Protein backbone atom coordinates (compact mmCIF):
# COMPACT_ATOMS: atom_id res chain seq x y z
CA UNK A 1 38.26 116.07 77.54
CA UNK A 2 34.54 114.99 78.08
CA UNK A 3 33.58 116.72 74.76
CA UNK A 4 36.20 115.68 72.81
CA UNK A 5 36.13 111.93 73.68
CA UNK A 6 32.81 112.32 72.79
CA UNK A 7 33.99 113.60 69.34
CA UNK A 8 36.03 110.84 69.26
CA UNK A 9 33.83 108.20 70.04
CA UNK A 10 32.67 106.18 66.81
CA UNK A 11 36.35 106.02 65.94
CA UNK A 12 37.26 104.54 69.06
CA UNK A 13 34.38 102.13 68.88
CA UNK A 14 35.17 101.18 65.67
CA UNK A 15 31.43 102.17 64.60
CA UNK A 16 30.71 101.48 61.01
CA UNK A 17 27.04 103.30 61.37
CA UNK A 18 27.04 106.39 63.63
CA UNK A 19 23.50 107.95 64.51
CA UNK A 20 22.67 107.52 60.41
CA UNK A 21 26.22 108.03 59.43
CA UNK A 22 28.00 105.49 57.32
CA UNK A 23 32.16 105.51 58.61
CA UNK A 24 33.85 102.91 56.21
CA UNK A 25 36.67 101.04 57.98
CA UNK A 26 36.01 103.15 60.93
CA UNK A 27 38.83 103.57 63.63
CA UNK A 28 41.23 105.98 65.10
CA UNK A 29 43.00 106.78 61.58
CA UNK A 30 40.02 109.00 60.72
CA UNK A 31 41.43 111.49 63.45
CA UNK A 32 44.92 111.16 62.58
CA UNK A 33 44.47 111.94 59.12
CA UNK A 34 42.54 114.97 59.30
CA UNK A 35 43.64 118.08 57.77
CA UNK A 36 46.18 119.52 58.62
CA UNK A 37 47.44 117.59 60.97
CA UNK A 38 49.68 114.76 59.03
CA UNK A 39 51.01 117.91 57.31
CA UNK A 40 52.24 119.08 60.52
CA UNK A 41 53.72 115.86 61.52
CA UNK A 42 55.38 116.31 58.12
CA UNK A 43 56.96 119.11 58.79
CA UNK A 44 58.16 118.42 62.63
CA UNK A 45 60.11 115.71 61.34
CA UNK A 46 61.91 117.12 58.62
CA UNK A 47 62.16 120.61 59.45
CA UNK A 48 61.47 121.51 56.21
CA UNK A 49 64.82 119.89 54.71
CA UNK A 50 63.97 119.73 51.13
CA UNK A 51 65.88 116.24 51.28
CA UNK A 52 63.87 115.10 53.97
CA UNK A 53 60.48 115.77 52.55
CA UNK A 54 61.17 113.88 49.25
CA UNK A 55 61.65 110.69 51.54
CA UNK A 56 58.66 111.04 53.53
CA UNK A 57 55.99 108.60 52.87
CA UNK A 58 52.51 110.50 51.25
CA UNK A 59 49.77 109.29 48.74
CA UNK A 60 49.42 112.93 48.06
CA UNK A 61 52.91 114.26 46.47
CA UNK A 62 53.48 118.06 47.86
CA UNK A 63 55.86 120.99 46.75
CA UNK A 64 58.70 120.93 49.26
CA UNK A 65 58.17 124.75 49.54
CA UNK A 66 54.23 124.10 50.46
CA UNK A 67 55.23 123.21 54.01
CA UNK A 68 56.52 126.68 54.66
CA UNK A 69 52.62 127.27 55.12
CA UNK A 70 52.83 125.51 57.94
CA UNK A 71 54.72 127.54 60.48
CA UNK A 72 57.65 125.71 63.22
CA UNK A 73 56.39 126.41 66.64
CA UNK A 74 53.56 123.67 66.79
CA UNK A 75 55.57 120.99 64.86
CA UNK A 76 58.44 121.59 67.22
CA UNK A 77 56.32 121.12 70.08
CA UNK A 78 55.05 117.86 68.00
CA UNK A 79 58.81 116.62 67.81
CA UNK A 80 59.42 117.26 71.44
CA UNK A 81 57.11 114.41 72.25
CA UNK A 82 57.60 112.30 68.89
CA UNK A 83 60.12 109.97 70.83
CA UNK A 84 57.65 109.01 73.13
CA UNK A 85 54.11 108.86 71.07
CA UNK A 86 55.32 109.03 67.39
CA UNK A 87 54.81 112.00 65.28
CA UNK A 88 50.65 111.07 64.37
CA UNK A 89 49.68 110.82 68.15
CA UNK A 90 51.97 113.63 69.17
CA UNK A 91 50.04 116.01 67.09
CA UNK A 92 46.94 114.76 68.97
CA UNK A 93 48.47 115.13 72.15
CA UNK A 94 49.78 118.45 72.01
CA UNK A 95 46.81 120.08 70.74
CA UNK A 96 44.78 118.00 73.82
CA UNK A 97 47.13 119.23 76.06
CA UNK A 98 47.56 122.87 74.39
CA UNK A 99 43.26 123.06 74.87
CA UNK A 100 43.44 122.26 78.12
CA UNK A 101 45.77 125.10 79.01
CA UNK A 102 43.51 127.05 77.15
CA UNK A 103 40.62 126.42 78.91
CA UNK A 104 42.00 127.32 82.15
CA UNK A 105 43.47 129.79 81.09
CA UNK A 106 40.67 131.43 79.70
CA UNK A 107 38.56 130.84 82.47
CA UNK A 108 40.88 132.55 84.38
CA UNK A 109 41.50 135.11 82.16
CA UNK A 110 37.77 135.91 82.46
CA UNK A 111 37.50 135.74 86.18
CA UNK A 112 40.54 138.07 86.73
CA UNK A 113 39.39 140.58 84.58
CA UNK A 114 35.77 140.11 85.94
CA UNK A 115 34.64 140.44 82.36
CA UNK A 116 31.67 137.67 83.74
CA UNK A 117 29.88 136.43 86.65
CA UNK A 118 30.08 132.81 85.01
CA UNK A 119 33.32 132.32 83.96
CA UNK A 120 32.74 128.75 84.19
CA UNK A 121 30.06 128.47 81.44
CA UNK A 122 31.55 131.10 79.33
CA UNK A 123 34.27 128.87 79.25
CA UNK A 124 31.96 125.81 78.22
CA UNK A 125 30.69 128.18 75.46
CA UNK A 126 33.79 129.01 73.86
CA UNK A 127 34.98 125.54 73.47
CA UNK A 128 31.86 124.28 72.20
CA UNK A 129 31.48 126.39 68.84
CA UNK A 130 31.34 123.68 66.31
CA UNK A 131 34.36 124.54 64.19
CA UNK A 132 36.49 124.69 67.48
CA UNK A 133 35.50 121.46 68.73
CA UNK A 134 36.92 120.00 65.63
CA UNK A 135 40.39 121.68 65.71
CA UNK A 136 40.92 121.49 69.15
CA UNK A 137 40.18 117.51 68.96
CA UNK A 138 42.83 116.60 65.88
CA UNK A 139 45.86 117.74 64.68
CA UNK A 140 45.86 121.42 64.32
CA UNK A 141 47.68 124.47 66.03
CA UNK A 142 44.66 126.61 66.60
CA UNK A 143 44.28 126.14 70.24
CA UNK A 144 48.16 126.87 70.91
CA UNK A 145 47.62 129.83 68.15
CA UNK A 146 44.73 131.37 70.16
CA UNK A 147 46.20 130.84 73.63
CA UNK A 148 49.19 132.60 72.62
CA UNK A 149 47.24 135.30 71.40
CA UNK A 150 45.21 135.87 74.66
CA UNK A 151 47.70 135.11 76.57
CA UNK A 152 49.99 138.52 74.69
CA UNK A 153 46.59 140.23 75.03
CA UNK A 154 46.21 139.79 79.45
CA UNK A 155 50.24 140.57 79.53
CA UNK A 156 49.64 143.75 77.65
CA UNK A 157 46.70 144.86 79.71
CA UNK A 158 48.44 144.19 82.62
CA UNK A 159 51.45 146.58 80.99
CA UNK A 160 53.76 143.50 80.87
CA UNK A 161 54.89 144.33 77.58
CA UNK A 162 58.26 142.08 77.19
CA UNK A 163 55.43 139.29 78.21
CA UNK A 164 53.39 140.96 75.60
CA UNK A 165 55.92 140.97 72.77
CA UNK A 166 56.95 137.01 73.82
CA UNK A 167 54.19 135.87 73.36
CA UNK A 168 53.14 137.76 70.48
CA UNK A 169 56.13 136.79 68.60
CA UNK A 170 55.57 133.04 69.87
CA UNK A 171 52.01 133.43 68.14
CA UNK A 172 53.39 134.75 64.94
CA UNK A 173 55.60 131.33 64.62
CA UNK A 174 52.20 129.61 64.89
CA UNK A 175 50.01 130.91 62.46
CA UNK A 176 51.09 134.36 60.34
CA UNK A 177 48.20 136.16 61.28
CA UNK A 178 49.56 136.44 64.71
CA UNK A 179 51.57 139.61 63.75
CA UNK A 180 48.42 141.39 63.57
CA UNK A 181 49.02 141.81 67.22
CA UNK A 182 51.63 144.44 66.52
CA UNK A 183 49.56 146.90 64.30
CA UNK A 184 46.80 146.17 67.27
CA UNK A 185 49.03 147.47 69.99
CA UNK A 186 50.27 150.42 67.67
CA UNK A 187 46.38 151.66 67.92
CA UNK A 188 46.15 151.27 71.13
CA UNK A 189 49.29 152.90 71.68
CA UNK A 190 47.70 156.24 69.00
CA UNK A 191 44.52 155.93 70.98
CA UNK A 192 46.18 156.88 74.47
CA UNK A 193 48.63 159.22 73.06
CA UNK A 194 45.36 160.87 71.36
CA UNK A 195 43.32 160.58 74.22
CA UNK A 196 45.78 162.41 76.93
CA UNK A 197 46.29 165.21 74.70
CA UNK A 198 42.87 166.05 74.03
CA UNK A 199 42.94 165.77 77.69
CA UNK A 200 45.83 168.14 78.25
CA UNK A 201 44.23 170.80 75.82
CA UNK A 202 41.09 170.69 77.17
CA UNK A 203 42.29 171.50 80.71
CA UNK A 204 44.48 174.13 79.04
CA UNK A 205 47.59 172.32 80.64
CA UNK A 206 50.64 172.74 78.71
CA UNK A 207 52.95 171.94 81.34
CA UNK A 208 51.54 168.17 81.93
CA UNK A 209 50.97 168.11 78.08
CA UNK A 210 54.68 168.52 77.33
CA UNK A 211 55.51 166.49 80.65
CA UNK A 212 53.72 163.80 79.03
CA UNK A 213 55.12 164.28 75.10
CA UNK A 214 58.48 163.83 77.30
CA UNK A 215 57.82 160.38 78.96
CA UNK A 216 58.60 158.04 77.27
CA UNK A 217 58.02 154.27 78.49
CA UNK A 218 60.60 152.17 76.74
CA UNK A 219 59.19 149.17 77.65
CA UNK A 220 56.54 149.49 74.82
CA UNK A 221 59.48 149.12 72.37
CA UNK A 222 59.17 144.80 73.46
CA UNK A 223 56.14 144.55 71.18
CA UNK A 224 58.60 144.83 68.68
CA UNK A 225 59.27 140.98 69.57
CA UNK A 226 55.90 140.23 67.49
CA UNK A 227 57.14 140.81 63.78
CA UNK A 228 60.51 139.63 64.74
CA UNK A 229 58.95 136.56 65.63
CA UNK A 230 57.79 136.07 62.12
CA UNK A 231 61.15 137.22 60.55
CA UNK A 232 63.06 134.66 62.93
CA UNK A 233 60.07 132.03 60.89
CA UNK A 234 61.61 133.32 57.86
CA UNK A 235 65.04 132.84 58.47
CA UNK A 236 64.57 129.71 59.22
CA UNK A 237 63.39 129.45 55.76
CA UNK A 238 66.52 131.23 54.49
CA UNK A 239 68.51 128.06 56.63
CA UNK A 240 66.28 125.04 55.41
CA UNK A 241 65.26 125.75 52.09
CA UNK A 242 68.44 128.48 51.34
CA UNK A 243 64.74 130.82 50.63
CA UNK A 244 64.42 133.54 52.92
CA UNK A 245 60.61 134.54 51.33
CA UNK A 246 59.79 130.49 50.72
CA UNK A 247 56.47 131.41 52.94
CA UNK A 248 55.05 133.33 49.78
CA UNK A 249 56.08 130.54 47.01
CA UNK A 250 54.00 127.85 49.54
CA UNK A 251 51.24 127.88 46.58
CA UNK A 252 47.97 129.01 47.05
CA UNK A 253 48.19 129.22 50.63
CA UNK A 254 48.27 133.48 51.08
CA UNK A 255 44.31 133.94 50.59
CA UNK A 256 44.06 137.54 51.16
CA UNK A 257 42.43 139.12 48.01
CA UNK A 258 39.68 141.44 48.06
CA UNK A 259 36.99 142.56 50.39
CA UNK A 260 34.36 139.46 50.68
CA UNK A 261 36.65 137.87 48.32
CA UNK A 262 35.34 134.07 49.86
CA UNK A 263 31.72 134.95 47.95
CA UNK A 264 33.54 133.84 44.72
CA UNK A 265 31.87 130.22 43.80
CA UNK A 266 34.90 129.49 41.17
CA UNK A 267 37.76 130.89 43.15
CA UNK A 268 39.76 127.61 43.82
CA UNK A 269 39.72 127.41 48.05
CA UNK A 270 35.45 128.64 47.95
CA UNK A 271 34.22 126.16 44.97
CA UNK A 272 30.23 126.35 46.19
CA UNK A 273 27.81 128.93 45.98
CA UNK A 274 26.23 128.05 49.89
CA UNK A 275 28.48 130.31 51.29
CA UNK A 276 25.23 132.32 53.68
CA UNK A 277 27.13 130.66 56.75
CA UNK A 278 29.96 133.26 56.29
CA UNK A 279 27.52 136.03 56.36
CA UNK A 280 26.43 135.03 59.88
CA UNK A 281 30.13 134.49 61.00
CA UNK A 282 30.98 138.22 59.22
CA UNK A 283 27.55 139.69 61.40
CA UNK A 284 28.51 137.83 64.21
CA UNK A 285 32.15 139.24 64.63
CA UNK A 286 31.38 142.70 63.45
CA UNK A 287 28.73 142.81 66.17
CA UNK A 288 31.26 141.94 67.99
CA UNK A 289 34.24 144.65 66.84
CA UNK A 290 31.14 147.41 67.56
CA UNK A 291 30.43 145.80 71.03
CA UNK A 292 33.87 146.04 72.01
CA UNK A 293 34.51 149.57 70.78
CA UNK A 294 34.13 151.51 74.21
CA UNK A 295 36.09 148.20 75.97
CA UNK A 296 37.50 148.78 78.81
CA UNK A 297 40.59 146.85 77.78
CA UNK A 298 41.75 148.65 74.27
CA UNK A 299 43.42 145.89 73.17
CA UNK A 300 40.96 143.58 72.93
CA UNK A 301 38.78 146.06 70.53
CA UNK A 302 41.49 146.83 68.38
CA UNK A 303 42.73 143.66 67.77
CA UNK A 304 39.26 142.27 67.03
CA UNK A 305 39.08 145.18 64.66
CA UNK A 306 42.57 144.47 63.22
CA UNK A 307 41.88 140.86 62.92
CA UNK A 308 38.04 141.09 61.38
CA UNK A 309 39.41 143.90 58.83
CA UNK A 310 42.05 141.08 57.74
CA UNK A 311 39.57 138.24 57.13
CA UNK A 312 36.78 139.65 55.25
CA UNK A 313 39.78 139.95 52.94
CA UNK A 314 40.00 135.95 52.88
CA UNK A 315 38.98 134.08 49.92
CA UNK A 316 38.45 130.93 51.64
CA UNK A 317 35.43 128.36 52.13
CA UNK A 318 36.73 127.88 55.83
CA UNK A 319 35.65 131.08 57.28
CA UNK A 320 35.10 129.71 60.43
CA UNK A 321 37.96 128.50 60.62
CA UNK A 322 40.22 131.27 59.65
CA UNK A 323 38.21 133.53 61.88
CA UNK A 324 38.87 131.02 64.88
CA UNK A 325 40.98 133.74 66.90
CA UNK A 326 37.71 136.14 66.90
CA UNK A 327 35.56 134.04 68.97
CA UNK A 328 37.12 134.28 72.44
CA UNK A 329 36.17 138.03 71.85
CA UNK A 330 32.79 137.65 70.62
CA UNK A 331 32.60 135.11 73.88
CA UNK A 332 33.83 137.97 75.69
CA UNK A 333 31.11 140.85 73.93
CA UNK A 334 28.33 139.01 74.34
CA UNK A 335 29.05 137.09 77.78
CA UNK A 336 25.58 138.32 79.10
CA UNK A 337 23.73 136.37 76.05
CA UNK A 338 25.90 133.59 76.01
CA UNK A 339 25.74 132.37 79.12
CA UNK A 340 22.35 133.47 79.91
CA UNK A 341 19.70 130.52 80.75
CA UNK A 342 18.00 130.50 77.50
CA UNK A 343 21.03 130.32 75.38
CA UNK A 344 22.60 127.61 77.62
CA UNK A 345 19.44 125.75 77.33
CA UNK A 346 19.24 126.12 73.11
CA UNK A 347 23.34 125.11 73.36
CA UNK A 348 22.60 122.01 75.56
CA UNK A 349 19.51 121.17 73.15
CA UNK A 350 21.45 121.40 69.89
CA UNK A 351 24.88 119.47 70.85
CA UNK A 352 23.82 116.43 69.12
CA UNK A 353 23.59 118.69 65.75
CA UNK A 354 26.79 119.75 67.22
CA UNK A 355 28.25 116.57 67.15
CA UNK A 356 26.70 115.33 64.21
CA UNK A 357 27.74 118.53 61.90
CA UNK A 358 31.39 117.38 63.51
CA UNK A 359 31.57 113.50 63.00
CA UNK A 360 29.75 114.32 59.23
CA UNK A 361 33.08 117.32 58.41
CA UNK A 362 35.66 114.47 59.67
CA UNK A 363 34.49 111.81 57.03
CA UNK A 364 35.51 113.98 54.50
CA UNK A 365 38.41 116.43 55.46
CA UNK A 366 41.20 113.68 55.66
CA UNK A 367 44.63 113.29 53.83
CA UNK A 368 44.66 109.63 52.38
CA UNK A 369 47.35 108.16 54.07
CA UNK A 370 48.40 104.45 53.34
CA UNK A 371 51.64 104.06 54.91
CA UNK A 372 52.45 105.06 58.09
CA UNK A 373 55.90 104.35 58.31
CA UNK A 374 57.51 107.80 58.08
CA UNK A 375 55.18 108.74 60.66
CA UNK A 376 57.02 106.92 63.24
CA UNK A 377 60.85 108.14 64.84
CA UNK A 378 63.09 106.53 63.14
């Protein structure tokens, strides 16, 4: 919470000049207007109904189908608290609350699985990735999505497949990449089956092999809840839009093109040749995948592998946001480095730069809103 309040400070204090940055008409509306927070508020209030979307007052006109790209779980939570806070404030309240829960869960995850000797330090590092600092402090679904993914992985490793499938399905109802947990779990099962058969063959024990072949853990079928979560979203779109495939007609929001497609300055969602930072993200996360290859908890490796493979196909400038679910995997993979005294000193010394980046980013990534009437509950 302290790190978030520091991020909010120039807007709470209405500072028009802040460490060299000029903030015209500084106020907390900068936080409320941050993309895509207001758009999730639209979904929360209208629940995708075209007639209600058309009556919602926005400075930019979006096609009704555009909002299908904003999946419903986060908006439903916003709607739950909107009678108390209104829709704009609720986007922030839900995200901050979920982020606190995520921090506590991540701390307990790495501690229970004994992934580090410094769980508190590792949790601090996890929370302070610059792009994550921003999205966890404004209206955004990333904290919710990451928490649901980690919950699914946690229960999968505990062999509680019902809960793994349930939380995986909820993640797919938050952001479509949540469905990538499903192929990751299938790869875990295939990996285990291959290992068991190879071990049985090496022992020349056909009896054991045949018994294992006949033994089926039907609870594993609960991972089918993951694709069913996404299918339920599409069914909801059928009800609201009268179009089961509305997500795929939401405009230019499906960015999977070709390997390393982000390196195309002429692409609509790239628009610049200054892309060297993306290479560093790719390198970091690829090294995390390689490091996790022999990791005890196999679902962490296979999820990282599947998600990274999908990420390199994304044609978008904001790879740092799209790849955020890989960040906790990288933190775990390199926990010794990230909890070392040298790294923590360097992180503390660079905190001013992290915040300046965050404030500067927040001055430009805003949806124009001149009339807030529609964001209230009535």
